[in-house]
Protein backbone atom coordinates (compact mmCIF):
# COMPACT_ATOMS: atom_id res chain seq x y z
CA UNK A 1 50.83 33.77 88.19
CA UNK A 2 52.07 35.37 85.00
CA UNK A 3 50.91 38.70 86.42
CA UNK A 4 53.61 38.47 89.10
CA UNK A 5 56.23 38.09 86.40
CA UNK A 6 55.27 41.30 84.62
CA UNK A 7 57.99 43.95 84.59
CA UNK A 8 57.17 47.49 85.75
CA UNK A 9 59.90 50.07 85.92
CA UNK A 10 62.61 47.44 85.58
CA UNK A 11 61.22 45.28 88.42
CA UNK A 12 58.74 42.44 88.47
CA UNK A 13 55.36 42.86 90.13
CA UNK A 14 56.33 40.38 92.83
CA UNK A 15 59.35 42.53 93.67
CA UNK A 16 57.15 45.60 94.01
CA UNK A 17 54.73 43.65 96.20
CA UNK A 18 57.60 42.39 98.33
CA UNK A 19 58.87 45.96 98.74
CA UNK A 20 55.42 47.23 99.72
CA UNK A 21 55.01 44.30 102.08
CA UNK A 22 58.33 45.14 103.68
CA UNK A 23 57.27 48.76 104.21
CA UNK A 24 53.88 47.71 105.60
CA UNK A 25 55.51 45.04 107.75
CA UNK A 26 57.95 47.58 109.14
CA UNK A 27 55.08 49.92 110.04
CA UNK A 28 53.07 47.15 111.69
CA UNK A 29 56.19 45.89 113.44
CA UNK A 30 56.84 49.37 114.78
CA UNK A 31 53.29 49.65 116.07
CA UNK A 32 53.60 46.22 117.70
CA UNK A 33 56.87 47.12 119.40
CA UNK A 34 55.36 50.40 120.60
CA UNK A 35 52.40 48.46 122.00
CA UNK A 36 54.71 46.06 123.81
CA UNK A 37 56.73 48.98 125.14
CA UNK A 38 53.58 50.72 126.27
CA UNK A 39 52.08 47.69 128.02
CA UNK A 40 55.00 45.75 129.48
CA UNK A 41 57.72 48.32 130.07
CA UNK A 42 55.25 50.96 131.22
CA UNK A 43 53.82 48.48 133.71
CA UNK A 44 57.31 48.04 135.16
CA UNK A 45 57.92 51.79 135.26
CA UNK A 46 54.73 52.36 137.26
CA UNK A 47 56.37 50.57 140.18
CA UNK A 48 58.97 53.32 140.48
CA UNK A 49 58.30 56.45 142.53
CA UNK A 50 59.37 58.93 139.85
CA UNK A 51 57.04 59.62 136.88
CA UNK A 52 60.04 60.55 134.72
CA UNK A 53 60.48 57.03 133.29
CA UNK A 54 56.77 56.96 132.34
CA UNK A 55 57.25 60.16 130.33
CA UNK A 56 60.35 58.70 128.64
CA UNK A 57 58.44 55.57 127.60
CA UNK A 58 55.67 57.70 126.10
CA UNK A 59 58.27 59.76 124.27
CA UNK A 60 60.00 56.66 122.85
CA UNK A 61 56.85 55.10 121.37
CA UNK A 62 56.56 57.23 118.23
CA UNK A 63 60.32 57.32 117.38
CA UNK A 64 60.48 53.52 117.76
CA UNK A 65 57.56 53.08 115.34
CA UNK A 66 59.20 55.31 112.74
CA UNK A 67 62.64 53.73 113.08
CA UNK A 68 61.28 50.22 112.51
CA UNK A 69 59.26 51.55 109.57
CA UNK A 70 62.46 53.05 108.13
CA UNK A 71 64.10 49.65 108.47
CA UNK A 72 61.25 48.14 106.44
CA UNK A 73 61.73 50.80 103.75
CA UNK A 74 65.45 50.13 103.53
CA UNK A 75 64.86 46.38 103.19
CA UNK A 76 62.12 46.94 100.62
CA UNK A 77 64.41 49.12 98.53
CA UNK A 78 67.10 46.43 98.62
CA UNK A 79 64.67 44.01 96.94
CA UNK A 80 64.17 46.32 93.95
CA UNK A 81 66.58 46.71 91.08
CA UNK A 82 67.27 50.43 91.12
CA UNK A 83 69.89 52.46 89.31
CA UNK A 84 72.63 53.96 91.43
CA UNK A 85 71.37 57.60 91.51
CA UNK A 86 67.80 56.72 92.61
CA UNK A 87 69.11 54.22 95.19
CA UNK A 88 71.58 56.82 96.49
CA UNK A 89 68.87 59.44 96.94
CA UNK A 90 66.50 56.97 98.56
CA UNK A 91 69.21 56.11 101.10
CA UNK A 92 69.92 59.79 101.69
CA UNK A 93 66.24 60.59 102.24
CA UNK A 94 65.82 57.65 104.60
CA UNK A 95 68.92 58.72 106.56
CA UNK A 96 67.57 62.30 106.73
CA UNK A 97 64.25 61.03 108.06
CA UNK A 98 66.08 59.01 110.71
CA UNK A 99 67.90 62.18 111.78
CA UNK A 100 64.53 63.98 112.02
CA UNK A 101 63.12 61.17 114.16
CA UNK A 102 66.08 61.27 116.53
CA UNK A 103 65.95 65.09 116.71
CA UNK A 104 62.25 65.01 117.61
CA UNK A 105 62.88 62.36 120.26
CA UNK A 106 65.75 64.30 121.86
CA UNK A 107 63.80 67.59 121.73
CA UNK A 108 60.77 65.93 123.35
CA UNK A 109 62.97 64.36 126.04
CA UNK A 110 64.64 67.68 126.86
CA UNK A 111 61.23 69.36 127.01
CA UNK A 112 60.10 66.75 129.54
CA UNK A 113 63.27 67.15 131.63
CA UNK A 114 63.00 70.96 131.64
CA UNK A 115 59.31 70.77 132.49
CA UNK A 116 60.10 68.33 135.28
CA UNK A 117 63.05 70.04 136.94
CA UNK A 118 62.55 73.74 136.08
CA UNK A 119 59.49 75.25 137.83
CA UNK A 120 57.00 76.88 135.51
CA UNK A 121 55.43 80.29 135.93
CA UNK A 122 51.81 80.30 137.06
CA UNK A 123 49.44 83.19 136.28
CA UNK A 124 50.11 86.25 138.41
CA UNK A 125 53.25 87.30 140.30
CA UNK A 126 55.97 84.69 140.70
CA UNK A 127 56.31 82.99 144.07
CA UNK A 128 59.58 82.36 145.90
CA UNK A 129 60.26 79.01 144.20
CA UNK A 130 59.05 79.86 140.69
CA UNK A 131 60.92 81.15 137.68
CA UNK A 132 60.09 82.28 134.18
CA UNK A 133 63.11 80.48 132.68
CA UNK A 134 61.26 77.36 131.52
CA UNK A 135 60.02 78.80 128.16
CA UNK A 136 63.48 80.21 127.41
CA UNK A 137 65.26 76.91 128.11
CA UNK A 138 62.74 74.97 126.02
CA UNK A 139 63.16 77.32 123.06
CA UNK A 140 66.95 77.40 123.29
CA UNK A 141 67.29 73.60 123.57
CA UNK A 142 64.80 72.98 120.76
CA UNK A 143 66.45 75.53 118.46
CA UNK A 144 69.93 74.11 119.11
CA UNK A 145 68.81 70.53 118.42
CA UNK A 146 67.10 71.41 115.14
CA UNK A 147 70.08 73.48 114.00
CA UNK A 148 72.35 70.47 114.55
CA UNK A 149 69.80 68.21 112.83
CA UNK A 150 69.57 70.59 109.87
CA UNK A 151 73.36 70.61 109.43
CA UNK A 152 73.48 66.80 109.57
CA UNK A 153 70.65 66.51 107.02
CA UNK A 154 72.35 68.89 104.60
CA UNK A 155 75.57 66.94 104.95
CA UNK A 156 73.68 63.66 104.38
CA UNK A 157 72.08 65.06 101.23
CA UNK A 158 75.53 65.87 99.86
CA UNK A 159 75.65 69.65 100.29
CA UNK A 160 78.86 71.50 101.19
CA UNK A 161 78.15 72.31 104.80
CA UNK A 162 81.46 74.15 105.34
CA UNK A 163 80.68 76.81 102.75
CA UNK A 164 77.16 77.17 104.09
CA UNK A 165 78.40 77.55 107.67
CA UNK A 166 80.85 80.24 106.57
CA UNK A 167 78.01 82.25 105.04
CA UNK A 168 75.83 81.71 108.09
CA UNK A 169 78.72 82.80 110.28
CA UNK A 170 78.84 86.22 108.61
CA UNK A 171 75.07 86.56 108.77
CA UNK A 172 75.04 85.41 112.39
CA UNK A 173 77.70 87.93 113.32
CA UNK A 174 75.64 90.74 111.76
CA UNK A 175 72.50 89.52 113.52
CA UNK A 176 74.30 89.22 116.85
CA UNK A 177 75.67 92.76 116.47
CA UNK A 178 72.22 94.14 115.71
CA UNK A 179 70.55 92.35 118.63
CA UNK A 180 73.38 92.46 121.17
CA UNK A 181 71.22 94.25 123.76
CA UNK A 182 68.50 91.60 123.54
CA UNK A 183 71.07 88.81 123.72
CA UNK A 184 72.84 90.39 126.69
CA UNK A 185 69.51 90.62 128.52
CA UNK A 186 68.76 86.96 127.79
CA UNK A 187 72.19 85.87 128.99
CA UNK A 188 71.72 88.09 132.05
CA UNK A 189 68.56 86.16 132.95
CA UNK A 190 70.48 82.91 132.56
CA UNK A 191 73.18 84.29 134.87
CA UNK A 192 70.58 85.10 137.53
CA UNK A 193 69.04 81.65 137.11
CA UNK A 194 72.39 79.85 137.48
CA UNK A 195 74.18 82.00 140.10
CA UNK A 196 71.10 82.84 142.21
CA UNK A 197 72.35 86.20 143.58
CA UNK A 198 68.77 86.77 144.76
CA UNK A 199 65.34 85.15 144.70
CA UNK A 200 61.88 86.50 144.07
CA UNK A 201 60.51 88.70 146.86
CA UNK A 202 64.08 89.47 148.02
CA UNK A 203 64.93 93.07 148.83
CA UNK A 204 68.03 94.17 146.92
CA UNK A 205 69.98 97.32 146.11
CA UNK A 206 71.22 97.70 142.53
CA UNK A 207 72.08 100.62 140.25
CA UNK A 208 70.83 103.15 142.82
CA UNK A 209 67.49 101.40 143.38
CA UNK A 210 66.35 99.82 146.64
CA UNK A 211 63.34 97.52 146.56
CA UNK A 212 61.81 94.05 146.29
CA UNK A 213 62.05 91.83 143.19
CA UNK A 214 58.46 91.06 142.22
CA UNK A 215 58.85 89.45 138.78
CA UNK A 216 61.58 88.02 136.57
CA UNK A 217 61.28 87.63 132.81
CA UNK A 218 63.55 86.69 129.93
CA UNK A 219 64.54 90.26 129.04
CA UNK A 220 63.58 92.38 132.07
CA UNK A 221 62.74 92.11 135.75
CA UNK A 222 60.49 94.22 137.95
CA UNK A 223 61.58 95.83 141.21
CA UNK A 224 59.12 97.51 143.60
CA UNK A 225 60.93 100.31 145.42
CA UNK A 226 60.34 101.33 149.02
CA UNK A 227 58.23 104.21 147.62
CA UNK A 228 55.96 101.52 146.06
CA UNK A 229 57.02 102.40 142.53
CA UNK A 230 57.80 99.74 139.93
CA UNK A 231 61.17 99.89 138.15
CA UNK A 232 61.78 97.82 134.99
CA UNK A 233 65.40 96.63 135.06
CA UNK A 234 67.10 95.02 132.00
CA UNK A 235 68.53 91.65 133.02
CA UNK A 236 71.95 92.55 131.57
CA UNK A 237 72.44 94.91 134.54
CA UNK A 238 72.37 91.95 136.93
CA UNK A 239 75.39 90.44 135.16
CA UNK A 240 77.47 93.64 135.17
CA UNK A 241 76.47 95.54 138.32
CA UNK A 242 77.16 94.72 141.99
CA UNK A 243 74.04 93.49 143.79
CA UNK A 244 73.43 94.03 147.51
CA UNK A 245 70.97 91.41 148.78
CA UNK A 246 69.47 92.88 151.93
CA UNK A 247 67.09 89.98 152.54
CA UNK A 248 69.81 87.39 153.14
CA UNK A 249 71.58 89.62 155.69
CA UNK A 250 71.12 88.52 159.35
CA UNK A 251 69.90 92.02 160.26
CA UNK A 252 69.65 95.59 158.99
CA UNK A 253 71.79 98.36 160.46
CA UNK A 254 70.10 101.67 161.27
CA UNK A 255 72.13 104.77 162.15
CA UNK A 256 70.42 107.90 163.44
CA UNK A 257 71.63 111.25 164.76
CA UNK A 258 69.78 112.84 167.68
CA UNK A 259 70.36 116.42 168.84
CA UNK A 260 69.94 116.98 172.59
CA UNK A 261 69.97 120.39 174.33
CA UNK A 262 72.91 120.75 176.72
CA UNK A 263 70.65 122.63 179.10
CA UNK A 264 69.28 119.28 180.22
CA UNK A 265 72.49 118.74 182.15
CA UNK A 266 75.32 116.24 181.90
CA UNK A 267 73.47 113.61 183.92
CA UNK A 268 70.51 113.73 181.53
CA UNK A 269 72.82 113.35 178.53
CA UNK A 270 74.45 110.30 180.14
CA UNK A 271 70.99 108.93 180.93
CA UNK A 272 70.00 109.50 177.30
CA UNK A 273 72.92 107.33 176.16
CA UNK A 274 71.89 104.55 178.54
CA UNK A 275 68.26 104.71 177.43
CA UNK A 276 69.19 104.55 173.75
CA UNK A 277 71.37 101.47 174.27
CA UNK A 278 68.58 99.81 176.22
CA UNK A 279 65.86 100.59 173.68
CA UNK A 280 67.97 99.49 170.71
CA UNK A 281 68.88 96.19 172.38
CA UNK A 282 65.66 95.07 174.08
CA UNK A 283 62.74 96.37 172.01
CA UNK A 284 60.84 93.74 170.01
CA UNK A 285 62.17 93.47 166.47
CA UNK A 286 65.66 94.71 167.27
CA UNK A 287 68.76 92.53 167.13
CA UNK A 288 71.25 93.96 169.68
CA UNK A 289 73.53 95.08 171.01
CA UNK A 290 72.89 98.72 170.17
CA UNK A 291 75.40 101.55 170.61
CA UNK A 292 75.10 105.27 171.34
CA UNK A 293 77.77 107.95 171.79
CA UNK A 294 78.41 111.68 171.66
CA UNK A 295 79.80 112.63 168.26
CA UNK A 296 79.63 116.46 168.41
CA UNK A 297 79.29 119.09 171.12
CA UNK A 298 78.44 122.79 170.77
CA UNK A 299 77.37 125.55 173.11
CA UNK A 300 73.67 124.77 173.27
CA UNK A 301 73.35 121.29 171.80
CA UNK A 302 75.19 118.00 171.46
CA UNK A 303 74.79 115.30 168.84
CA UNK A 304 74.32 111.64 169.72
CA UNK A 305 74.84 108.89 167.13
CA UNK A 306 72.42 106.03 167.78
CA UNK A 307 73.11 102.68 166.01
CA UNK A 308 70.85 99.65 166.31
CA UNK A 309 69.92 96.62 164.21
CA UNK A 310 66.55 95.38 162.96
CA UNK A 311 66.22 91.59 162.95
CA UNK A 312 66.01 89.71 159.65
CA UNK A 313 62.48 88.37 160.25
CA UNK A 314 61.12 91.68 161.68
CA UNK A 315 59.04 94.15 159.67
CA UNK A 316 61.40 97.05 158.94
CA UNK A 317 59.08 100.05 159.15
CA UNK A 318 57.13 98.69 162.12
CA UNK A 319 60.32 98.13 164.11
CA UNK A 320 61.81 101.49 163.14
CA UNK A 321 58.59 103.25 164.14
CA UNK A 322 58.52 101.37 167.45
CA UNK A 323 62.10 102.34 168.28
CA UNK A 324 61.53 106.04 167.54
CA UNK A 325 58.31 106.16 169.55
CA UNK A 326 60.05 104.42 172.45
CA UNK A 327 62.88 107.00 172.33
CA UNK A 328 60.43 109.91 172.42
CA UNK A 329 58.41 108.34 175.26
CA UNK A 330 61.42 107.48 177.45
CA UNK A 331 63.08 110.84 176.84
CA UNK A 332 59.89 112.66 177.80
CA UNK A 333 59.57 110.60 180.99
CA UNK A 334 63.21 111.29 181.86
CA UNK A 335 62.96 115.01 181.10
CA UNK A 336 65.49 114.91 178.25
CA UNK A 337 64.83 117.67 175.71
CA UNK A 338 65.54 117.15 171.99
CA UNK A 339 66.57 120.16 169.96
């Protein structure tokens, strides 16, 4: 056993073996704990209705293994006779690795939560309940966590974090100034996601455009106008411009002006008013009551303002076409002449 008493690097062989055994024991202990967590705790979690706890157990397995391994390293280092500088740096490195393990665990957990509760985008146009915010939230949360972890690691290693943050602050201000349009678009998409002023496939009016939202991205969204043209709208506009959501309205108001010849006679003009009110209130797709009245009179013609409402669940153009055809048909049957 004289071999165990040999001194290497200021420590006996048996001390080095004990340190290695501690590291190996910590690794095996971590694997064992992960196995127990995977078999026993996971079995209990399967009895619950939500799969979220199963994902959390899977996420905790690797961090638990590394943390117990780190404990074995710390104990193994305590067995060795090390000078103060090497021991200090070993402790700092171990603490930095623990921060990395925790950062990875938190980032993985947030990724699971975002993937669970924020719908993902499937190939093709987005449906009513889908959003393209999931990649953005994952990147933002992951970046924030690793920035915090990096600051903590630098502080653990003994660097002056305050001076570094001051320099990064100036650089960050310059970067933010250079990319302010991109950032405003990203924050605009977050505003839409949080406030929900409209949903996909909603018809809206914004910045002079009238159409249906067909796609929403991180920087821009797509609106298909009533002329079937696609307009690319920066998301920052949604945060700074009034939005009129036509889809959520109970009905759509339609105002038309009809010109009738006065030669038809006063009775025919009065009959025209009655017919318009009837058509606008009873035709399929309308949401009454409708109104009609004389708004201007001249020598040969008079103007009638006809106001009716198209129901929320009715097809706009089909209903509008049906109302106009009904007006022409009933006027022709009644002998009312349009100018």
